[in-house]
Protein backbone atom coordinates (compact mmCIF):
# COMPACT_ATOMS: atom_id res chain seq x y z
CA MET A 1 -0.15 0.13 -0.14
CA LYS A 2 1.41 3.45 -0.99
CA ILE A 3 0.51 5.97 1.61
CA ALA A 4 0.95 9.93 1.93
CA ILE A 5 0.79 11.56 5.23
CA ALA A 6 0.28 15.51 4.73
CA GLY A 7 1.29 17.19 7.59
CA ALA A 8 4.24 16.24 10.15
CA GLY A 9 2.93 17.72 13.19
CA MET A 10 2.06 15.90 16.25
CA SER A 11 -0.61 13.83 14.47
CA GLY A 12 1.38 13.17 11.50
CA ALA A 13 4.60 12.55 12.70
CA TYR A 14 2.80 10.16 15.54
CA LEU A 15 0.96 7.85 12.97
CA PHE A 16 4.10 7.87 10.41
CA ARG A 17 6.23 6.55 13.07
CA ARG A 18 3.51 4.11 14.12
CA LEU A 19 2.98 2.92 10.73
CA ILE A 20 6.86 2.58 10.04
CA ASP A 21 7.24 0.67 13.34
CA GLU A 22 4.24 -1.61 12.16
CA GLY A 23 6.12 -2.53 8.80
CA TYR A 24 4.50 -0.09 6.54
CA LYS A 25 7.24 0.90 4.01
CA ASP A 26 6.14 2.92 1.04
CA ILE A 27 5.00 6.38 3.15
CA ASP A 28 5.84 9.67 2.05
CA LEU A 29 5.86 12.43 4.58
CA PHE A 30 4.68 15.86 3.35
CA ASP A 31 4.78 19.34 5.27
CA VAL A 32 4.87 22.99 4.52
CA LYS A 33 8.59 24.77 5.15
CA LYS A 34 8.69 26.03 9.02
CA THR A 35 10.15 29.27 9.32
CA ASN A 36 10.13 29.84 13.31
CA SER A 37 12.81 28.78 15.31
CA CYS A 38 11.67 25.66 17.00
CA GLY A 39 10.44 24.24 13.63
CA CYS A 40 7.18 23.37 14.89
CA ARG A 41 3.73 25.41 14.92
CA PRO A 42 1.76 25.69 17.16
CA CYS A 43 4.51 24.49 19.43
CA ALA A 44 1.82 23.53 22.36
CA TRP A 45 3.93 22.33 25.22
CA GLY A 46 1.59 21.46 27.82
CA PHE A 47 0.43 17.36 27.70
CA ALA A 48 -1.97 15.59 29.71
CA PRO A 49 -3.06 13.37 31.47
CA VAL A 50 0.35 12.18 32.34
CA ALA A 51 -0.30 8.06 32.23
CA GLU A 52 -1.99 7.71 28.97
CA THR A 53 0.28 10.40 27.43
CA PHE A 54 3.46 8.27 28.47
CA GLU A 55 1.63 5.41 27.27
CA LEU A 56 1.20 6.41 23.78
CA ILE A 57 4.59 8.10 23.55
CA ALA A 58 6.09 4.89 24.70
CA LYS A 59 4.97 3.13 21.45
CA VAL A 60 7.40 5.28 19.59
CA THR A 61 10.12 6.28 21.99
CA ASP A 62 11.06 7.00 25.46
CA PRO A 63 8.53 9.83 26.87
CA ALA A 64 10.84 10.63 29.91
CA ARG A 65 13.46 11.48 27.46
CA PHE A 66 10.89 14.36 26.55
CA GLU A 67 9.78 15.86 29.95
CA MET A 68 10.33 19.13 30.65
CA GLN A 69 8.18 20.13 34.10
CA ARG A 70 5.50 18.96 36.10
CA SER A 71 3.32 21.27 38.21
CA ASP A 72 1.20 20.48 41.03
CA VAL A 73 -0.72 23.69 41.26
CA ILE A 74 -2.46 25.82 38.38
CA SER A 75 -3.71 29.10 38.70
CA PHE A 76 -6.96 30.22 37.11
CA ASP A 77 -7.82 33.96 37.22
CA GLY A 78 -5.62 34.20 40.42
CA VAL A 79 -7.12 31.01 42.05
CA ASP A 80 -4.83 28.23 42.63
CA VAL A 81 -6.21 24.80 42.28
CA ARG A 82 -4.39 21.36 42.64
CA SER A 83 -3.13 19.56 39.32
CA SER A 84 -1.77 16.08 39.50
CA ASN A 85 -1.76 15.07 36.03
CA MET A 86 -0.41 17.93 33.56
CA LEU A 87 3.18 18.57 32.47
CA THR A 88 5.19 20.46 29.82
CA MET A 89 7.16 18.16 27.13
CA ASN A 90 9.43 19.16 24.53
CA LYS A 91 6.84 18.80 21.51
CA PRO A 92 9.29 19.95 19.00
CA ALA A 93 11.89 17.49 19.85
CA LEU A 94 9.58 14.84 20.22
CA ILE A 95 8.38 15.69 16.50
CA ARG A 96 12.02 15.40 15.42
CA GLU A 97 12.44 12.15 16.73
CA MET A 98 9.30 10.51 15.37
CA ILE A 99 10.31 11.72 11.97
CA GLY A 100 13.82 10.51 12.35
CA HIS A 101 15.78 10.75 9.25
CA ALA A 102 12.69 10.56 6.71
CA GLU A 103 12.76 12.81 4.04
CA VAL A 104 9.62 15.58 4.58
CA LYS A 105 9.09 16.69 1.15
CA GLU A 106 7.12 19.82 0.18
CA GLY A 107 4.31 20.57 -2.18
CA ALA A 108 1.09 19.55 -2.76
CA ILE A 109 -0.11 15.84 -2.84
CA ASP A 110 -1.78 13.99 -5.97
CA PRO A 111 -4.22 11.88 -4.12
CA THR A 112 -4.47 9.66 -7.30
CA LYS A 113 -0.95 8.43 -6.96
CA TYR A 114 -1.54 6.92 -3.43
CA ASP A 115 -3.67 4.17 -2.07
CA ARG A 116 -4.48 6.50 1.01
CA VAL A 117 -3.55 10.30 1.78
CA ILE A 118 -3.70 11.01 5.66
CA ASP A 119 -4.82 14.68 6.22
CA ALA A 120 -2.81 15.92 8.94
CA THR A 121 -2.70 19.33 7.95
CA GLY A 122 -4.18 20.88 11.11
CA VAL A 123 -6.32 24.17 10.50
CA SER A 124 -5.88 24.17 6.96
CA ARG A 125 -7.55 20.65 6.28
CA ALA A 126 -5.98 20.49 2.90
CA TYR A 127 -7.59 17.53 1.62
CA LEU A 128 -10.90 17.31 2.95
CA PRO A 129 -14.06 19.32 2.51
CA PRO A 130 -14.69 22.93 4.08
CA ILE A 131 -16.10 22.68 7.47
CA LYS A 132 -19.42 24.69 7.67
CA ASP A 133 -19.31 27.00 10.60
CA ASP A 134 -15.77 26.29 11.44
CA HIS A 135 -14.43 27.86 14.83
CA ILE A 136 -10.84 29.06 14.25
CA ALA A 137 -9.22 30.55 17.24
CA GLN A 138 -5.96 32.80 16.57
CA CYS A 139 -2.96 32.88 19.02
CA THR A 140 0.18 34.47 19.34
CA GLN A 141 2.63 32.72 21.66
CA TYR A 142 6.08 33.25 23.09
CA ARG A 143 9.26 31.21 24.32
CA VAL A 144 11.03 33.66 26.90
CA ARG A 145 13.69 33.42 30.05
CA SER A 146 12.50 35.14 33.22
CA GLU A 147 14.66 35.66 36.15
CA GLN A 148 11.52 35.60 38.17
CA ALA A 149 9.54 32.53 38.96
CA LEU A 150 6.23 32.86 36.89
CA GLY A 151 4.48 29.82 37.86
CA PHE A 152 1.83 27.99 35.89
CA TRP A 153 -1.36 29.87 35.06
CA PHE A 154 -4.13 30.77 32.83
CA ARG A 155 -6.36 34.13 32.89
CA THR A 156 -9.48 34.34 30.80
CA SER A 157 -10.02 36.87 28.01
CA THR A 158 -12.83 37.82 25.69
CA VAL A 159 -13.84 34.20 24.50
CA GLY A 160 -10.32 33.14 25.09
CA TYR A 161 -7.56 33.02 27.62
CA GLU A 162 -4.04 33.81 28.28
CA TRP A 163 -1.54 31.42 29.61
CA CYS A 164 2.12 30.76 31.10
CA PHE A 165 3.26 27.11 31.09
CA PRO A 166 6.78 26.35 32.77
CA LEU A 167 9.16 24.68 30.48
CA GLY A 168 11.94 23.98 33.32
CA GLY A 169 14.54 26.03 34.46
CA ASP A 170 14.12 29.86 33.86
CA GLU A 171 12.25 28.92 30.59
CA TYR A 172 8.44 29.64 30.02
CA HIS A 173 5.81 29.34 27.38
CA ILE A 174 3.72 32.65 27.42
CA GLY A 175 0.71 33.13 25.12
CA ILE A 176 -2.83 34.39 24.20
CA GLY A 177 -5.53 32.73 22.24
CA SER A 178 -8.89 34.20 21.00
CA LEU A 179 -11.62 33.56 18.82
CA LYS A 180 -12.81 37.52 18.92
CA SER A 181 -9.75 39.31 19.62
CA ASP A 182 -7.16 40.35 17.58
CA VAL A 183 -4.04 38.94 19.27
CA ARG A 184 -0.99 39.67 17.00
CA SER A 185 -0.21 42.67 18.93
CA TYR A 186 -0.06 40.78 22.22
CA ARG A 187 3.35 41.03 24.11
CA PRO A 188 3.70 38.90 27.95
CA SER A 189 3.49 42.26 29.98
CA THR A 190 2.14 40.92 33.54
CA ASP A 191 2.23 37.62 35.27
CA LYS A 192 -0.60 35.87 37.23
CA ASP A 193 -0.81 38.38 39.86
CA ASP A 194 -0.58 41.20 37.33
CA ARG A 195 2.79 42.44 38.47
CA GLU A 196 4.95 43.68 35.60
CA LEU A 197 7.18 41.08 33.64
CA SER A 198 10.58 41.49 32.50
CA VAL A 199 11.29 38.54 30.17
CA LYS A 200 14.04 37.92 27.38
CA VAL A 201 12.20 36.45 24.40
CA GLN A 202 13.89 33.33 22.88
CA CYS A 203 11.20 33.03 19.99
CA LYS A 204 7.79 34.16 18.70
CA CYS A 205 5.11 32.83 16.53
CA HIS A 206 1.56 33.23 15.43
CA SER A 207 -0.47 30.37 14.87
CA SER A 208 -4.35 29.31 14.80
CA VAL A 209 -6.20 26.32 16.51
CA ARG A 210 -9.56 24.48 15.36
CA LEU A 211 -12.02 24.62 18.29
CA THR A 212 -14.82 22.92 16.02
CA SER A 213 -15.19 19.41 17.48
CA PRO A 214 -15.47 16.08 15.44
CA PHE A 215 -18.98 16.02 15.55
CA PHE A 216 -19.02 19.40 13.31
CA SER A 217 -15.93 18.75 11.44
CA GLN A 218 -17.52 15.99 9.22
CA PRO A 219 -16.85 14.39 6.97
CA PHE A 220 -13.38 12.82 8.17
CA MET A 221 -13.18 10.81 4.69
CA LYS A 222 -13.56 11.75 1.24
CA ASP A 223 -12.40 9.04 -1.63
CA ASN A 224 -8.95 7.73 -0.55
CA VAL A 225 -8.32 10.62 2.18
CA VAL A 226 -9.13 10.11 5.65
CA GLY A 227 -8.36 12.99 8.50
CA ILE A 228 -6.85 12.75 11.96
CA GLY A 229 -6.26 15.17 14.69
CA GLU A 230 -7.04 18.82 14.35
CA SER A 231 -7.65 18.52 10.87
CA ILE A 232 -11.22 16.46 11.98
CA GLY A 233 -11.66 18.99 15.04
CA ALA A 234 -10.07 16.56 17.82
CA VAL A 235 -8.98 19.81 19.83
CA ALA A 236 -11.16 20.66 23.31
CA PRO A 237 -13.34 23.64 22.19
CA LEU A 238 -12.93 25.40 25.70
CA ALA A 239 -9.93 24.28 26.82
CA SER A 240 -7.85 23.96 23.43
CA ASP A 241 -5.65 20.99 24.46
CA GLY A 242 -5.05 18.65 21.41
CA ASN A 243 -1.74 16.85 21.62
CA LEU A 244 -3.30 13.58 23.15
CA TYR A 245 -6.12 13.57 20.79
CA ALA A 246 -3.67 13.78 17.77
CA MET A 247 -2.02 10.57 19.09
CA GLN A 248 -5.65 9.18 20.09
CA CYS A 249 -6.67 9.66 16.65
CA GLY A 250 -3.38 8.00 15.00
CA GLU A 251 -4.28 4.85 17.41
CA MET A 252 -7.96 4.70 16.54
CA LEU A 253 -7.00 4.97 12.66
CA MET A 254 -4.32 2.12 13.11
CA GLU A 255 -6.86 -0.08 14.50
CA ASN A 256 -9.38 0.56 12.12
CA TRP A 257 -6.88 0.72 9.40
CA GLU A 258 -9.29 -1.57 7.05
CA ASP A 259 -12.51 -0.22 8.23
CA LEU A 260 -12.74 3.48 7.84
CA ASP A 261 -16.44 3.78 8.73
CA ARG A 262 -15.75 2.25 12.11
CA TYR A 263 -12.82 4.72 12.81
CA SER A 264 -15.18 7.40 12.09
CA GLU A 265 -17.55 5.85 14.65
CA GLN A 266 -15.14 5.66 17.11
CA VAL A 267 -14.11 9.31 16.64
CA LEU A 268 -17.54 10.40 17.45
CA LYS A 269 -18.17 8.35 20.28
CA ARG A 270 -14.96 9.04 21.73
CA TYR A 271 -14.96 12.64 21.41
CA ASP A 272 -18.94 13.41 22.26
CA TRP A 273 -17.71 15.28 25.17
CA MET A 274 -16.37 17.86 22.29
CA ARG A 275 -19.48 18.52 21.24
CA LYS A 276 -21.14 19.48 24.04
CA GLU A 277 -18.12 21.66 24.80
CA ARG A 278 -18.62 23.55 21.46
CA ARG A 279 -22.21 24.31 22.48
CA GLY A 280 -20.73 26.01 25.50
CA LEU A 281 -18.42 27.84 23.09
CA GLU A 282 -20.95 29.07 20.96
CA LYS A 283 -22.75 30.51 23.76
CA LEU A 284 -19.38 32.46 24.69
CA MET A 285 -19.41 33.78 21.23
CA GLU A 286 -22.90 35.17 21.76
CA GLY A 287 -21.97 37.11 24.56
CA ARG A 288 -23.75 34.62 27.09
CA THR A 289 -22.99 32.15 29.75
CA PRO A 290 -22.79 28.43 29.09
CA SER A 291 -25.43 26.34 31.00
CA LEU A 292 -24.59 24.20 34.01
CA PRO A 293 -24.68 20.93 31.95
CA GLU A 294 -22.24 22.70 29.84
CA ALA A 295 -19.87 23.92 32.47
CA LEU A 296 -19.94 20.54 34.25
CA THR A 297 -18.81 18.69 30.67
CA MET A 298 -15.60 21.28 31.01
CA ARG A 299 -15.12 20.45 34.68
CA GLY A 300 -15.18 16.87 33.67
CA HIS A 301 -12.53 17.15 30.82
CA LEU A 302 -10.27 19.07 33.15
CA LYS A 303 -10.69 16.73 36.03
CA SER A 304 -9.67 14.02 33.48
CA VAL A 305 -6.53 15.74 32.98
CA GLY A 306 -5.93 15.93 36.67
CA VAL A 307 -7.26 19.66 37.38
CA GLU A 308 -9.22 19.69 40.52
CA ILE A 309 -11.45 22.56 39.82
CA LYS A 310 -14.72 23.32 41.50
CA THR A 311 -18.06 23.99 39.29
CA GLY A 312 -18.27 27.17 40.80
CA GLN A 313 -14.69 28.22 39.56
CA ILE A 314 -15.74 27.03 36.30
CA ILE A 315 -18.87 29.15 35.79
CA ARG A 316 -16.80 32.32 37.00
CA LEU A 317 -14.06 31.58 34.36
CA LEU A 318 -16.93 30.89 31.67
CA ARG A 319 -18.84 34.11 32.67
CA ASN A 320 -15.59 36.03 32.02
CA MET A 321 -14.89 34.67 29.05
CA SER A 322 -18.33 35.62 27.67
CA ARG A 323 -17.73 39.50 28.54
């Protein structure tokens, strides 16, 4: 079988390595040229939950080699909550490891030359039909050095949030994402306690993320093309995390390689909670606060990744995002 994988990000690189390790030999890997310094966009350093993340990465390499820092406490709008299952990992290095010495080709793919084309192009969704009512948030992010300890925090903004992830030592990943605001001019200026920041910028990039959910990103297949990861909306609509789901999609496709209808069914079932979060996101875009069931869905998602946040705190966060 001749296979083309379009996109060498988290989902494409992971599936590429899994297929190679399973004995598939005729695979062409494609990606656009990355001009930012880390060679990965978006870099998205956060991974959770730890156990399943490590289990999946262990199928292709040693996950411990890429761990950067674990955090016991995360601040949400100035309120500290316990975190038992979240960490930062060196995603650019992990992707390079999964690709190995393989050639990454540039340019468009001719699907007629392959038995199967995997669309792992993220927000581009280059080889699948356009999505009606697609929700794409814009993000600006920095990797910085700071002499002051900045911690691990999130701060809500209009239909979005600002974040700071510790990367170990004096390095941090700071950024902002929003569905409504123009974030291109953003520069990190204050910490979680609203104190003025003094940081040394290592790199900066602008990217985007799909918050549409798999249910609203159908179809996943067209002719001999099948999508995985963000190209099919496998990103949490409210929390915006997607590294774990990129790998999960690859595993589900591997398990159902000969039955793509079954693959589609499994994706929709596994990520049905994203469909519910998407409803909450739409209310935020209308300036309304999501309902209690939608807030509980988000709380359940955060709990699954080890963030022990109370329902009242979730509702306050969502109210802030709706303003």
